[in-house]
Amino acid sequence: MDTRILVPIDGSDSARAALEHTLDIAANQDAVVHVLNVADTNQPSLTRLGTQVVDALEEEGKEIVSTAAELAAERDVAVSTHVVQGEPRETIVEFVTAGAESESESDDADGVAFDFVVMGAHGRRGLGEYILGSVTDYVVNRSEVPVLTVRAADDARATYPYGNVLVPTDGSVHARAAVELGAQFANRCGGTLHLLSVMDELPEVADAETAPLPAQLEENIREALEEDAATAARAGAADVETAIETGSVPREVLAYAEAEAIDLVVMGTHGRTGIDRHLLGSFTERVIRTSPVPVLTTRRADEMD
């Protein structure tokens, strides 16, 4: 079955970066790209055009997806465009959920089962007002499929295929899901999978970054990395490297990414607290906001609503 990718766009620079990277992936993988624009019903948008009353945001959305379709056609990428009304973050999640549910339904179902979503790390709300990823954060925490975030910044780069894929792991079930996903992407691209364990805190050590790891602790970490490497091999990764560092998790992840020419970081989300409140793990959130390369996040299956 063809790979199906959803990319919500809003006309912002980050959305353009996400779209361009999506087209790189689609052109290489012969994938179908679904471009979605949400006309924000929280914003006043009705206006009179001659004798007709039209929704200005919906009209703008049509122009945005039309431009995206033209870019896709230039790359010979199959594209489907969608303009819908609603609250952006909730509507995107509902669009993803409808697609996920269609996977087990009949062929004439309206939804499309997406393999993953690609979003800019920043978005736009209103006229020229940029918000720091609140829509993306929401989708990352609630999406039933993995979400690939792309930054549009001077220090950011996005290349495909991914020659080096990095998965920070602590041996947890959250990280194990990311290991499996990272292995699949590394296998798909014929790249190397890097598994990195970072000791963020060392109790009773004054200088955690320079102090050696206690022997038993290091042994436990190595055993967990070996288990993760075995998991990655079963998921299809042919070339796996492991490393252990101490210090701040976001800083060590970014330093490793720079040193090893990483093209993609894959991380698990942190789960849910309370009834309706979803949160990114603090480390995952910081990496998304600062990583110079795309970050792919995934949730454990048993966390899905």
Protein backbone atom coordinates (compact mmCIF):
# COMPACT_ATOMS: atom_id res chain seq x y z
CA MET A 1 0.00 0.00 0.00
CA ASP A 2 1.24 3.49 -0.84
CA THR A 3 2.67 5.63 1.94
CA ARG A 4 0.19 8.35 2.86
CA ILE A 5 1.44 11.54 4.50
CA LEU A 6 -0.66 14.34 5.97
CA VAL A 7 0.82 17.84 6.06
CA PRO A 8 -1.29 20.63 7.63
CA ILE A 9 -0.25 24.04 6.26
CA ASP A 10 -1.21 27.61 7.13
CA GLY A 11 0.95 29.76 4.87
CA SER A 12 3.72 30.26 7.46
CA ASP A 13 7.44 29.74 6.85
CA SER A 14 7.48 26.66 9.07
CA ALA A 15 4.55 25.13 7.21
CA ARG A 16 6.41 25.76 3.93
CA ALA A 17 9.48 24.00 5.37
CA ALA A 18 7.31 21.06 6.44
CA LEU A 19 5.70 20.86 3.00
CA GLU A 20 9.01 20.98 1.14
CA HIS A 21 10.45 18.22 3.32
CA THR A 22 7.28 16.18 2.84
CA LEU A 23 7.66 16.49 -0.93
CA ASP A 24 11.29 15.31 -0.65
CA ILE A 25 10.09 12.21 1.20
CA ALA A 26 7.16 11.61 -1.13
CA ALA A 27 9.24 11.95 -4.29
CA ASN A 28 11.70 9.37 -2.96
CA GLN A 29 9.10 6.97 -1.56
CA ASP A 30 6.42 7.37 -4.24
CA ALA A 31 4.02 8.50 -1.50
CA VAL A 32 0.70 10.32 -1.64
CA VAL A 33 0.65 13.70 0.15
CA HIS A 34 -2.57 15.01 1.70
CA VAL A 35 -2.41 18.78 2.19
CA LEU A 36 -4.76 20.16 4.85
CA ASN A 37 -5.68 23.75 5.62
CA VAL A 38 -7.99 24.55 8.53
CA ALA A 39 -9.99 27.79 8.27
CA ASP A 40 -9.97 28.84 11.92
CA THR A 41 -13.55 29.31 13.11
CA ASN A 42 -12.21 31.20 16.15
CA GLN A 43 -11.25 34.09 13.86
CA PRO A 44 -13.71 36.53 12.23
CA SER A 45 -13.59 35.70 8.54
CA LEU A 46 -16.90 36.45 6.79
CA THR A 47 -16.74 39.28 4.27
CA ARG A 48 -18.87 40.58 1.42
CA LEU A 49 -17.60 40.10 -2.11
CA GLY A 50 -20.02 41.91 -4.41
CA THR A 51 -23.43 40.50 -3.59
CA GLN A 52 -22.00 37.36 -1.95
CA VAL A 53 -20.86 36.72 1.59
CA VAL A 54 -17.71 34.58 1.57
CA ASP A 55 -15.37 33.15 4.19
CA ALA A 56 -12.09 34.96 3.69
CA LEU A 57 -10.06 32.38 5.62
CA GLU A 58 -11.55 29.55 3.62
CA GLU A 59 -10.74 31.36 0.38
CA GLU A 60 -7.21 31.98 1.63
CA GLY A 61 -6.95 28.29 2.51
CA LYS A 62 -7.92 27.32 -1.03
CA GLU A 63 -5.12 29.49 -2.37
CA ILE A 64 -2.64 27.99 0.09
CA VAL A 65 -3.43 24.37 -0.81
CA SER A 66 -3.55 25.25 -4.51
CA THR A 67 0.00 26.60 -4.30
CA ALA A 68 1.03 23.43 -2.45
CA ALA A 69 -0.51 21.29 -5.17
CA GLU A 70 1.47 23.19 -7.80
CA LEU A 71 4.71 22.53 -5.88
CA ALA A 72 3.80 18.83 -5.67
CA ALA A 73 3.08 18.69 -9.40
CA GLU A 74 6.52 20.17 -10.12
CA ARG A 75 8.00 17.24 -8.17
CA ASP A 76 5.64 14.72 -9.81
CA VAL A 77 4.18 13.91 -6.39
CA ALA A 78 0.59 12.71 -6.04
CA VAL A 79 -1.38 15.15 -3.89
CA SER A 80 -4.85 15.50 -2.41
CA THR A 81 -5.98 18.87 -1.01
CA HIS A 82 -8.43 19.56 1.80
CA VAL A 83 -9.80 22.84 3.19
CA VAL A 84 -12.02 22.45 6.25
CA GLN A 85 -13.41 24.74 8.92
CA GLY A 86 -12.79 24.32 12.62
CA GLU A 87 -10.46 24.97 15.53
CA PRO A 88 -7.06 24.12 13.96
CA ARG A 89 -5.50 21.80 16.52
CA GLU A 90 -8.65 19.83 17.26
CA THR A 91 -9.61 19.62 13.60
CA ILE A 92 -6.18 18.28 12.60
CA VAL A 93 -6.37 15.56 15.25
CA GLU A 94 -9.91 14.66 14.18
CA PHE A 95 -8.73 14.48 10.57
CA VAL A 96 -5.92 12.12 11.58
CA THR A 97 -8.24 10.01 13.73
CA ALA A 98 -10.79 9.67 10.93
CA GLY A 99 -7.99 8.43 8.70
CA ALA A 100 -6.70 5.98 11.29
CA GLU A 101 -10.17 4.56 11.84
CA SER A 102 -10.70 4.09 8.09
CA GLU A 103 -7.86 1.55 7.96
CA SER A 104 -10.16 -1.19 9.21
CA GLU A 105 -13.26 -0.02 7.37
CA SER A 106 -14.54 -0.69 3.88
CA ASP A 107 -12.88 0.62 0.74
CA ASP A 108 -15.52 3.30 0.30
CA ALA A 109 -14.74 4.92 3.66
CA ASP A 110 -14.22 8.67 3.52
CA GLY A 111 -11.11 8.64 5.70
CA VAL A 112 -7.55 7.82 4.67
CA ALA A 113 -5.17 5.90 6.90
CA PHE A 114 -2.09 8.12 7.27
CA ASP A 115 1.34 6.70 7.94
CA PHE A 116 2.53 9.90 9.61
CA VAL A 117 1.93 13.65 9.87
CA VAL A 118 4.46 16.37 9.03
CA MET A 119 4.16 19.77 10.73
CA GLY A 120 6.16 22.92 11.20
CA ALA A 121 7.38 23.55 14.73
CA HIS A 122 5.75 26.98 14.59
CA GLY A 123 2.50 28.11 13.05
CA ARG A 124 0.47 31.21 12.34
CA ARG A 125 -2.72 32.48 13.90
CA GLY A 126 -4.48 35.62 12.79
CA LEU A 127 -2.81 38.17 10.53
CA GLY A 128 0.95 37.72 10.83
CA GLU A 129 0.88 36.49 14.43
CA TYR A 130 3.09 33.48 15.07
CA ILE A 131 2.54 31.04 17.90
CA LEU A 132 5.27 28.86 19.37
CA GLY A 133 4.14 25.47 18.29
CA SER A 134 0.98 25.22 20.37
CA VAL A 135 -0.96 23.55 17.55
CA THR A 136 1.94 21.23 16.77
CA ASP A 137 2.43 20.34 20.45
CA TYR A 138 -1.25 19.48 20.73
CA VAL A 139 -1.17 17.26 17.65
CA VAL A 140 2.04 15.53 18.75
CA ASN A 141 0.44 14.60 22.06
CA ARG A 142 -2.85 13.35 20.63
CA SER A 143 -2.11 12.01 17.17
CA GLU A 144 -2.70 8.30 16.64
CA VAL A 145 0.12 8.22 14.10
CA PRO A 146 3.70 9.50 14.39
CA VAL A 147 4.31 13.23 13.89
CA LEU A 148 7.38 14.61 12.13
CA THR A 149 8.21 18.19 13.12
CA VAL A 150 10.34 20.47 10.94
CA ARG A 151 11.79 23.82 11.97
CA ALA A 152 12.23 26.78 9.63
CA ALA A 153 15.29 28.49 11.09
CA ASP A 154 18.74 29.53 9.95
CA ASP A 155 20.33 26.67 11.87
CA ALA A 156 17.85 24.05 10.62
CA ARG A 157 18.31 21.56 7.80
CA ALA A 158 16.08 18.81 6.44
CA THR A 159 17.46 16.25 4.01
CA TYR A 160 16.12 12.95 2.74
CA PRO A 161 16.88 10.04 2.63
CA TYR A 162 18.04 9.92 6.24
CA GLY A 163 21.60 8.60 6.34
CA ASN A 164 21.80 8.69 10.15
CA VAL A 165 18.84 8.29 12.50
CA LEU A 166 19.19 9.02 16.22
CA VAL A 167 16.99 7.59 18.96
CA PRO A 168 17.67 8.84 22.52
CA THR A 169 16.63 5.98 24.79
CA ASP A 170 16.42 5.25 28.50
CA GLY A 171 15.14 1.69 28.21
CA SER A 172 11.57 2.71 28.99
CA VAL A 173 8.51 1.50 27.10
CA HIS A 174 8.12 5.03 25.74
CA ALA A 175 11.61 4.90 24.28
CA ARG A 176 11.15 1.33 23.01
CA ALA A 177 8.34 2.50 20.72
CA ALA A 178 10.69 5.16 19.34
CA VAL A 179 13.44 2.57 18.81
CA GLU A 180 11.12 0.44 16.68
CA LEU A 181 9.98 3.44 14.65
CA GLY A 182 13.52 4.75 14.20
CA ALA A 183 14.64 1.33 13.02
CA GLN A 184 11.91 1.28 10.40
CA PHE A 185 12.96 4.67 9.04
CA ALA A 186 16.66 3.75 9.07
CA ASN A 187 15.87 0.52 7.23
CA ARG A 188 13.70 2.36 4.70
CA CYS A 189 16.54 4.78 3.96
CA GLY A 190 19.39 2.28 4.18
CA GLY A 191 20.86 4.41 6.97
CA THR A 192 22.56 3.88 10.31
CA LEU A 193 20.53 3.81 13.52
CA HIS A 194 22.18 5.47 16.52
CA LEU A 195 20.93 4.61 20.01
CA LEU A 196 21.98 7.15 22.64
CA SER A 197 21.52 6.84 26.38
CA VAL A 198 22.06 10.04 28.39
CA MET A 199 22.40 10.09 32.15
CA ASP A 200 20.72 13.38 33.01
CA GLU A 201 21.19 13.24 36.77
CA LEU A 202 23.76 11.50 38.93
CA PRO A 203 22.82 11.70 42.64
CA GLU A 204 25.54 12.69 45.09
CA VAL A 205 27.94 13.71 42.33
CA ALA A 206 29.01 17.33 42.29
CA ASP A 207 29.99 17.43 38.62
CA ALA A 208 27.81 14.98 36.71
CA GLU A 209 29.25 15.83 33.32
CA THR A 210 32.84 14.95 34.19
CA ALA A 211 32.39 12.26 36.85
CA PRO A 212 32.66 8.60 35.71
CA LEU A 213 29.52 6.51 35.85
CA PRO A 214 29.31 4.02 38.72
CA ALA A 215 30.20 0.58 37.35
CA GLN A 216 26.83 -1.03 38.10
CA LEU A 217 24.90 1.89 36.64
CA GLU A 218 26.93 1.81 33.46
CA GLU A 219 26.42 -1.93 33.19
CA ASN A 220 22.65 -1.50 33.55
CA ILE A 221 22.67 1.15 30.82
CA ARG A 222 24.68 -1.06 28.49
CA GLU A 223 22.32 -3.96 29.04
CA ALA A 224 19.35 -1.72 28.24
CA LEU A 225 21.09 -0.50 25.09
CA GLU A 226 21.75 -4.10 24.04
CA GLU A 227 18.05 -4.86 24.45
CA ASP A 228 17.17 -1.80 22.40
CA ALA A 229 19.67 -2.82 19.71
CA ALA A 230 18.03 -6.25 19.55
CA THR A 231 14.63 -4.58 19.25
CA ALA A 232 15.96 -2.39 16.44
CA ALA A 233 17.37 -5.40 14.60
CA ARG A 234 14.03 -7.17 14.78
CA ALA A 235 12.37 -4.01 13.41
CA GLY A 236 14.67 -4.04 10.39
CA ALA A 237 17.72 -1.92 11.28
CA ALA A 238 20.80 -3.44 9.66
CA ASP A 239 23.42 -1.03 11.04
CA VAL A 240 23.10 -0.04 14.72
CA GLU A 241 25.52 2.00 16.84
CA THR A 242 25.19 2.68 20.58
CA ALA A 243 26.61 5.40 22.81
CA ILE A 244 26.40 6.59 26.43
CA GLU A 245 26.81 10.21 27.50
CA THR A 246 26.29 12.15 30.73
CA GLY A 247 24.84 15.63 31.12
CA SER A 248 21.73 17.48 30.04
CA VAL A 249 19.62 15.28 27.78
CA PRO A 250 18.67 17.99 25.23
CA ARG A 251 22.22 19.32 25.10
CA GLU A 252 23.78 15.87 24.68
CA VAL A 253 21.23 14.86 22.05
CA LEU A 254 21.92 17.99 20.01
CA ALA A 255 25.70 17.64 20.46
CA TYR A 256 25.57 14.03 19.30
CA ALA A 257 23.38 14.99 16.35
CA GLU A 258 25.94 17.57 15.30
CA ALA A 259 28.96 15.32 15.80
CA GLU A 260 27.48 12.32 13.96
CA ALA A 261 25.75 14.23 11.13
CA ILE A 262 22.32 13.01 12.25
CA ASP A 263 19.48 13.62 9.77
CA LEU A 264 16.51 12.57 11.93
CA VAL A 265 15.85 12.35 15.68
CA VAL A 266 13.15 9.93 16.84
CA MET A 267 11.69 10.22 20.36
CA GLY A 268 8.75 8.90 22.34
CA THR A 269 6.27 11.25 23.96
CA HIS A 270 5.80 11.24 27.70
CA GLY A 271 2.20 10.13 27.98
CA ARG A 272 -0.80 11.63 29.72
CA THR A 273 -1.62 13.20 33.08
CA GLY A 274 -5.09 13.97 34.35
CA ILE A 275 -8.20 13.26 32.31
CA ASP A 276 -7.73 15.36 29.20
CA ARG A 277 -4.31 16.93 29.57
CA HIS A 278 -1.59 15.54 27.30
CA LEU A 279 2.03 16.59 27.75
CA LEU A 280 5.22 16.16 25.82
CA GLY A 281 8.06 14.82 27.89
CA SER A 282 10.06 17.88 28.84
CA PHE A 283 13.12 16.56 27.04
CA THR A 284 11.21 15.73 23.85
CA GLU A 285 9.60 19.15 23.82
CA ARG A 286 12.93 20.95 24.18
CA VAL A 287 14.55 18.85 21.44
CA ILE A 288 11.65 19.61 19.07
CA ARG A 289 12.06 23.35 19.70
CA THR A 290 15.84 23.39 19.20
CA SER A 291 16.82 20.50 16.94
CA PRO A 292 18.52 21.52 13.69
CA VAL A 293 17.04 18.41 12.01
CA PRO A 294 13.50 17.00 11.86
CA VAL A 295 12.18 15.23 14.97
CA LEU A 296 9.79 12.29 14.70
CA THR A 297 7.65 11.52 17.76
CA THR A 298 5.49 8.55 18.57
CA ARG A 299 3.15 7.49 21.36
CA ARG A 300 2.80 4.05 22.88
CA ALA A 301 -0.17 2.12 21.53
CA ASP A 302 -1.74 1.78 24.98
CA GLU A 303 -1.76 5.60 25.35
CA MET A 304 -4.05 6.10 22.39
CA ASP A 305 -7.48 7.49 23.21
